[in-house]
Amino acid sequence: MPAIHDPNRDLTLWESGAIIEYLIEVYDKKQKLSFPAGSNEAYLAKQWLYFQVSGQGPYFGQVSAATTPFTYGKITISDSMFRLSFS
């Protein structure tokens, strides 16, 4: 799981989408890596970010687990579903 600790603000974040948004908002004031807030380009970039963190990332993780012996993939996916559902 991706995580980052920013000692300048004493903040620890996990989850790639949250990390990207934090770095852009806090450290990209001159927009060298991003687009002006509220612009069409900024919303399109967020669209792709959310697609990656909500769809592509989890599916890629499931595929890599399922390509190992079936029982491992089944157990891993089941454990993740249980953890997310009941925590």
C-alpha atoms as a PDB file:
ATOM      1  CA  MET A   1       0.000   0.000   0.000  1.00  0.00           C
ATOM      2  CA  PRO A   2       1.481   3.354  -0.977  1.00  0.00           C
ATOM      3  CA  ALA A   3       2.100   5.722   1.925  1.00  0.00           C
ATOM      4  CA  ILE A   4       3.917   8.998   2.521  1.00  0.00           C
ATOM      5  CA  HIS A   5       4.978  10.972   5.568  1.00  0.00           C
ATOM      6  CA  ASP A   6       5.474  14.711   5.192  1.00  0.00           C
ATOM      7  CA  PRO A   7       7.708  15.873   8.047  1.00  0.00           C
ATOM      8  CA  ASN A   8       7.063  19.520   7.102  1.00  0.00           C
ATOM      9  CA  ARG A   9       3.429  19.155   8.150  1.00  0.00           C
ATOM     10  CA  ASP A  10       3.682  16.060  10.373  1.00  0.00           C
ATOM     11  CA  LEU A  11       1.144  14.262   8.182  1.00  0.00           C
ATOM     12  CA  THR A  12       1.094  10.635   7.091  1.00  0.00           C
ATOM     13  CA  LEU A  13      -1.185   9.625   4.227  1.00  0.00           C
ATOM     14  CA  TRP A  14      -1.878   6.313   2.532  1.00  0.00           C
ATOM     15  CA  GLU A  15      -3.705   5.606  -0.728  1.00  0.00           C
ATOM     16  CA  SER A  16      -2.212   6.763  -3.992  1.00  0.00           C
ATOM     17  CA  GLY A  17      -5.018   9.126  -5.002  1.00  0.00           C
ATOM     18  CA  ALA A  18      -4.926  10.986  -1.681  1.00  0.00           C
ATOM     19  CA  ILE A  19      -1.140  11.242  -1.894  1.00  0.00           C
ATOM     20  CA  ILE A  20      -1.225  12.678  -5.417  1.00  0.00           C
ATOM     21  CA  GLU A  21      -3.899  15.237  -4.548  1.00  0.00           C
ATOM     22  CA  TYR A  22      -2.015  16.256  -1.395  1.00  0.00           C
ATOM     23  CA  LEU A  23       1.309  16.724  -3.198  1.00  0.00           C
ATOM     24  CA  ILE A  24      -0.331  18.764  -5.951  1.00  0.00           C
ATOM     25  CA  GLU A  25      -2.298  21.007  -3.557  1.00  0.00           C
ATOM     26  CA  VAL A  26       0.524  21.583  -1.087  1.00  0.00           C
ATOM     27  CA  TYR A  27       3.688  21.592  -3.195  1.00  0.00           C
ATOM     28  CA  ASP A  28       2.731  22.415  -6.796  1.00  0.00           C
ATOM     29  CA  LYS A  29       1.758  26.066  -6.298  1.00  0.00           C
ATOM     30  CA  LYS A  30       3.235  27.053  -9.677  1.00  0.00           C
ATOM     31  CA  GLN A  31       1.367  24.208 -11.417  1.00  0.00           C
ATOM     32  CA  LYS A  32       4.393  22.629 -13.017  1.00  0.00           C
ATOM     33  CA  LEU A  33       2.818  19.176 -12.582  1.00  0.00           C
ATOM     34  CA  SER A  34      -0.870  20.058 -12.610  1.00  0.00           C
ATOM     35  CA  PHE A  35      -3.503  22.335 -14.102  1.00  0.00           C
ATOM     36  CA  PRO A  36      -5.205  25.458 -12.732  1.00  0.00           C
ATOM     37  CA  ALA A  37      -7.837  24.525 -10.142  1.00  0.00           C
ATOM     38  CA  GLY A  38     -11.332  24.525 -11.614  1.00  0.00           C
ATOM     39  CA  SER A  39     -10.145  24.260 -15.221  1.00  0.00           C
ATOM     40  CA  ASN A  40     -11.436  21.618 -17.600  1.00  0.00           C
ATOM     41  CA  GLU A  41      -7.958  20.094 -17.664  1.00  0.00           C
ATOM     42  CA  ALA A  42      -7.889  19.783 -13.863  1.00  0.00           C
ATOM     43  CA  TYR A  43     -11.222  17.957 -13.847  1.00  0.00           C
ATOM     44  CA  LEU A  44     -10.124  15.656 -16.672  1.00  0.00           C
ATOM     45  CA  ALA A  45      -6.927  14.834 -14.753  1.00  0.00           C
ATOM     46  CA  LYS A  46      -9.014  14.020 -11.652  1.00  0.00           C
ATOM     47  CA  GLN A  47     -11.264  11.836 -13.791  1.00  0.00           C
ATOM     48  CA  TRP A  48      -8.274   9.717 -14.780  1.00  0.00           C
ATOM     49  CA  LEU A  49      -6.925   9.695 -11.225  1.00  0.00           C
ATOM     50  CA  TYR A  50     -10.211   8.358  -9.820  1.00  0.00           C
ATOM     51  CA  PHE A  51     -10.479   5.811 -12.634  1.00  0.00           C
ATOM     52  CA  GLN A  52      -7.038   4.511 -11.728  1.00  0.00           C
ATOM     53  CA  VAL A  53      -7.559   4.316  -7.964  1.00  0.00           C
ATOM     54  CA  SER A  54     -11.096   2.912  -8.099  1.00  0.00           C
ATOM     55  CA  GLY A  55     -10.951   0.613 -11.097  1.00  0.00           C
ATOM     56  CA  GLN A  56      -7.644  -0.028 -12.760  1.00  0.00           C
ATOM     57  CA  GLY A  57      -5.538  -0.361  -9.599  1.00  0.00           C
ATOM     58  CA  PRO A  58      -7.809  -2.837  -7.793  1.00  0.00           C
ATOM     59  CA  TYR A  59      -8.380  -4.910 -10.928  1.00  0.00           C
ATOM     60  CA  PHE A  60      -4.657  -5.145 -11.614  1.00  0.00           C
ATOM     61  CA  GLY A  61      -4.133  -6.263  -8.029  1.00  0.00           C
ATOM     62  CA  GLN A  62      -6.784  -8.954  -8.374  1.00  0.00           C
ATOM     63  CA  VAL A  63      -5.306 -10.188 -11.631  1.00  0.00           C
ATOM     64  CA  SER A  64      -1.833 -10.522 -10.139  1.00  0.00           C
ATOM     65  CA  ALA A  65      -3.257 -12.438  -7.170  1.00  0.00           C
ATOM     66  CA  ALA A  66      -5.344 -14.676  -9.420  1.00  0.00           C
ATOM     67  CA  THR A  67      -2.436 -15.571 -11.715  1.00  0.00           C
ATOM     68  CA  THR A  68      -0.664 -17.311  -8.832  1.00  0.00           C
ATOM     69  CA  PRO A  69      -1.990 -20.728  -7.804  1.00  0.00           C
ATOM     70  CA  PHE A  70      -5.779 -20.516  -7.625  1.00  0.00           C
ATOM     71  CA  THR A  71      -6.101 -21.084  -3.899  1.00  0.00           C
ATOM     72  CA  TYR A  72      -3.782 -18.169  -3.091  1.00  0.00           C
ATOM     73  CA  GLY A  73      -5.705 -15.824  -5.394  1.00  0.00           C
ATOM     74  CA  LYS A  74      -9.045 -16.968  -4.011  1.00  0.00           C
ATOM     75  CA  ILE A  75      -7.903 -16.544  -0.400  1.00  0.00           C
ATOM     76  CA  THR A  76      -6.326 -13.136  -1.055  1.00  0.00           C
ATOM     77  CA  ILE A  77      -9.369 -11.705  -2.810  1.00  0.00           C
ATOM     78  CA  SER A  78     -11.735 -13.186  -0.217  1.00  0.00           C
ATOM     79  CA  ASP A  79      -9.674 -11.789   2.669  1.00  0.00           C
ATOM     80  CA  SER A  80      -9.611  -8.344   1.049  1.00  0.00           C
ATOM     81  CA  MET A  81     -13.358  -8.371   0.484  1.00  0.00           C
ATOM     82  CA  PHE A  82     -13.969  -9.406   4.109  1.00  0.00           C
ATOM     83  CA  ARG A  83     -11.565  -6.774   5.447  1.00  0.00           C
ATOM     84  CA  LEU A  84     -13.151  -3.990   3.404  1.00  0.00           C
ATOM     85  CA  SER A  85     -16.700  -5.101   4.207  1.00  0.00           C
ATOM     86  CA  PHE A  86     -16.399  -5.541   7.960  1.00  0.00           C
ATOM     87  CA  SER A  87     -13.757  -3.105   9.156  1.00  0.00           C
END
